[in-house]
Amino acid sequence: MFLELEAKSQQLAAEVAAAREVTVRRELMMVRQQDEIRFKNARIAQLTHKIPALKRYQFGKKGEQLSGVQGTLLEEAVGEDIGAIETELEILGGAP
């Protein structure tokens, strides 16, 4: 009977150790996910702030000052930037 209790005790100790290991892994995964969420939220905020600034530049007086090839290239670059930002926001899960 003593040997049975000793075996059961060892089995329970092993189960507790395994449960602790699972808990530690889950906590580490949760910390990584929280870090990723914080990064994505910060990036979404940056990009969301940048879109209106680019649109103001694109449609404001600054966009009217340049003419010819230089103005066209700038408009294309700003348009591409806005498109790239909107795509990144979609990937990150934010709305433009």
C-alpha atoms as a PDB file:
ATOM      1  CA  MET A   1       0.000   0.000   0.000  1.00  0.00           C
ATOM      2  CA  PHE A   2       2.866   2.373   0.795  1.00  0.00           C
ATOM      3  CA  LEU A   3       4.399   1.704  -2.626  1.00  0.00           C
ATOM      4  CA  GLU A   4       1.083   2.458  -4.305  1.00  0.00           C
ATOM      5  CA  LEU A   5       0.836   5.772  -2.450  1.00  0.00           C
ATOM      6  CA  GLU A   6       4.435   6.610  -3.342  1.00  0.00           C
ATOM      7  CA  ALA A   7       3.770   5.820  -7.014  1.00  0.00           C
ATOM      8  CA  LYS A   8       0.591   7.912  -6.979  1.00  0.00           C
ATOM      9  CA  SER A   9       2.476  10.773  -5.321  1.00  0.00           C
ATOM     10  CA  GLN A  10       5.163  10.671  -8.008  1.00  0.00           C
ATOM     11  CA  GLN A  11       2.536  10.555 -10.732  1.00  0.00           C
ATOM     12  CA  LEU A  12       0.749  13.576  -9.272  1.00  0.00           C
ATOM     13  CA  ALA A  13       4.043  15.451  -8.923  1.00  0.00           C
ATOM     14  CA  ALA A  14       4.799  14.770 -12.592  1.00  0.00           C
ATOM     15  CA  GLU A  15       1.338  15.985 -13.605  1.00  0.00           C
ATOM     16  CA  VAL A  16       1.772  19.165 -11.557  1.00  0.00           C
ATOM     17  CA  ALA A  17       5.177  19.791 -13.166  1.00  0.00           C
ATOM     18  CA  ALA A  18       3.682  19.276 -16.634  1.00  0.00           C
ATOM     19  CA  ALA A  19       0.801  21.621 -15.831  1.00  0.00           C
ATOM     20  CA  ARG A  20       3.252  24.276 -14.613  1.00  0.00           C
ATOM     21  CA  GLU A  21       5.269  23.939 -17.810  1.00  0.00           C
ATOM     22  CA  VAL A  22       2.130  24.405 -19.908  1.00  0.00           C
ATOM     23  CA  THR A  23       1.196  27.441 -17.825  1.00  0.00           C
ATOM     24  CA  VAL A  24       4.634  29.011 -18.281  1.00  0.00           C
ATOM     25  CA  ARG A  25       4.483  28.442 -22.056  1.00  0.00           C
ATOM     26  CA  ARG A  26       1.028  30.001 -22.247  1.00  0.00           C
ATOM     27  CA  GLU A  27       2.127  33.003 -20.197  1.00  0.00           C
ATOM     28  CA  LEU A  28       5.130  33.539 -22.492  1.00  0.00           C
ATOM     29  CA  MET A  29       2.898  33.259 -25.544  1.00  0.00           C
ATOM     30  CA  MET A  30       0.468  35.747 -24.008  1.00  0.00           C
ATOM     31  CA  VAL A  31       3.287  38.234 -23.323  1.00  0.00           C
ATOM     32  CA  ARG A  32       4.487  37.937 -26.940  1.00  0.00           C
ATOM     33  CA  GLN A  33       0.954  38.447 -28.227  1.00  0.00           C
ATOM     34  CA  GLN A  34       0.469  41.496 -26.007  1.00  0.00           C
ATOM     35  CA  ASP A  35       3.743  42.958 -27.300  1.00  0.00           C
ATOM     36  CA  GLU A  36       2.621  42.321 -30.867  1.00  0.00           C
ATOM     37  CA  ILE A  37      -0.744  43.963 -30.190  1.00  0.00           C
ATOM     38  CA  ARG A  38       0.957  47.019 -28.664  1.00  0.00           C
ATOM     39  CA  PHE A  39       3.266  47.301 -31.687  1.00  0.00           C
ATOM     40  CA  LYS A  40       0.395  46.938 -34.150  1.00  0.00           C
ATOM     41  CA  ASN A  41      -1.740  49.485 -32.294  1.00  0.00           C
ATOM     42  CA  ALA A  42       1.130  51.984 -32.297  1.00  0.00           C
ATOM     43  CA  ARG A  43       1.773  51.372 -36.005  1.00  0.00           C
ATOM     44  CA  ILE A  44      -1.935  51.725 -36.812  1.00  0.00           C
ATOM     45  CA  ALA A  45      -2.002  55.043 -34.935  1.00  0.00           C
ATOM     46  CA  GLN A  46       1.051  56.286 -36.852  1.00  0.00           C
ATOM     47  CA  LEU A  47      -0.345  55.276 -40.219  1.00  0.00           C
ATOM     48  CA  THR A  48      -3.830  56.567 -39.468  1.00  0.00           C
ATOM     49  CA  HIS A  49      -2.305  59.931 -38.583  1.00  0.00           C
ATOM     50  CA  LYS A  50      -0.140  59.972 -41.712  1.00  0.00           C
ATOM     51  CA  ILE A  51      -2.943  59.392 -44.245  1.00  0.00           C
ATOM     52  CA  PRO A  52      -4.738  62.714 -43.612  1.00  0.00           C
ATOM     53  CA  ALA A  53      -1.415  64.566 -43.776  1.00  0.00           C
ATOM     54  CA  LEU A  54      -0.615  62.983 -47.140  1.00  0.00           C
ATOM     55  CA  LYS A  55      -4.111  63.704 -48.435  1.00  0.00           C
ATOM     56  CA  ARG A  56      -3.837  67.334 -47.318  1.00  0.00           C
ATOM     57  CA  TYR A  57      -0.540  67.540 -49.161  1.00  0.00           C
ATOM     58  CA  GLN A  58      -1.977  65.800 -52.203  1.00  0.00           C
ATOM     59  CA  PHE A  59      -5.108  67.943 -52.447  1.00  0.00           C
ATOM     60  CA  GLY A  60      -3.933  71.124 -50.743  1.00  0.00           C
ATOM     61  CA  LYS A  61      -2.021  74.127 -52.039  1.00  0.00           C
ATOM     62  CA  LYS A  62       1.304  72.282 -51.885  1.00  0.00           C
ATOM     63  CA  GLY A  63       0.053  69.912 -54.557  1.00  0.00           C
ATOM     64  CA  GLU A  64      -0.870  72.843 -56.795  1.00  0.00           C
ATOM     65  CA  GLN A  65       2.558  74.510 -56.586  1.00  0.00           C
ATOM     66  CA  LEU A  66       4.405  71.969 -58.688  1.00  0.00           C
ATOM     67  CA  SER A  67       3.708  71.549 -62.368  1.00  0.00           C
ATOM     68  CA  GLY A  68       4.826  69.335 -65.172  1.00  0.00           C
ATOM     69  CA  VAL A  69       6.770  66.133 -64.634  1.00  0.00           C
ATOM     70  CA  GLN A  70       7.875  67.078 -61.124  1.00  0.00           C
ATOM     71  CA  GLY A  71       4.295  67.676 -59.983  1.00  0.00           C
ATOM     72  CA  THR A  72       3.096  64.478 -61.623  1.00  0.00           C
ATOM     73  CA  LEU A  73       5.852  62.433 -60.008  1.00  0.00           C
ATOM     74  CA  LEU A  74       5.079  63.928 -56.608  1.00  0.00           C
ATOM     75  CA  GLU A  75       1.362  63.236 -56.994  1.00  0.00           C
ATOM     76  CA  GLU A  76       2.123  59.651 -58.007  1.00  0.00           C
ATOM     77  CA  ALA A  77       4.494  59.192 -55.060  1.00  0.00           C
ATOM     78  CA  VAL A  78       1.961  60.576 -52.582  1.00  0.00           C
ATOM     79  CA  GLY A  79      -0.773  58.406 -54.101  1.00  0.00           C
ATOM     80  CA  GLU A  80       1.455  55.343 -53.849  1.00  0.00           C
ATOM     81  CA  ASP A  81       2.292  56.198 -50.232  1.00  0.00           C
ATOM     82  CA  ILE A  82      -1.387  56.487 -49.367  1.00  0.00           C
ATOM     83  CA  GLY A  83      -2.111  53.169 -51.097  1.00  0.00           C
ATOM     84  CA  ALA A  84       0.764  51.442 -49.301  1.00  0.00           C
ATOM     85  CA  ILE A  85      -0.374  52.810 -45.940  1.00  0.00           C
ATOM     86  CA  GLU A  86      -3.965  51.702 -46.537  1.00  0.00           C
ATOM     87  CA  THR A  87      -2.734  48.226 -47.486  1.00  0.00           C
ATOM     88  CA  GLU A  88      -0.582  48.005 -44.362  1.00  0.00           C
ATOM     89  CA  LEU A  89      -3.532  49.142 -42.239  1.00  0.00           C
ATOM     90  CA  GLU A  90      -5.676  46.385 -43.747  1.00  0.00           C
ATOM     91  CA  ILE A  91      -2.969  43.845 -42.933  1.00  0.00           C
ATOM     92  CA  LEU A  92      -2.652  45.151 -39.378  1.00  0.00           C
ATOM     93  CA  GLY A  93      -6.412  45.055 -38.912  1.00  0.00           C
ATOM     94  CA  GLY A  94      -7.081  48.782 -38.746  1.00  0.00           C
ATOM     95  CA  ALA A  95      -9.371  50.804 -40.937  1.00  0.00           C
ATOM     96  CA  PRO A  96      -7.954  53.695 -42.997  1.00  0.00           C
END
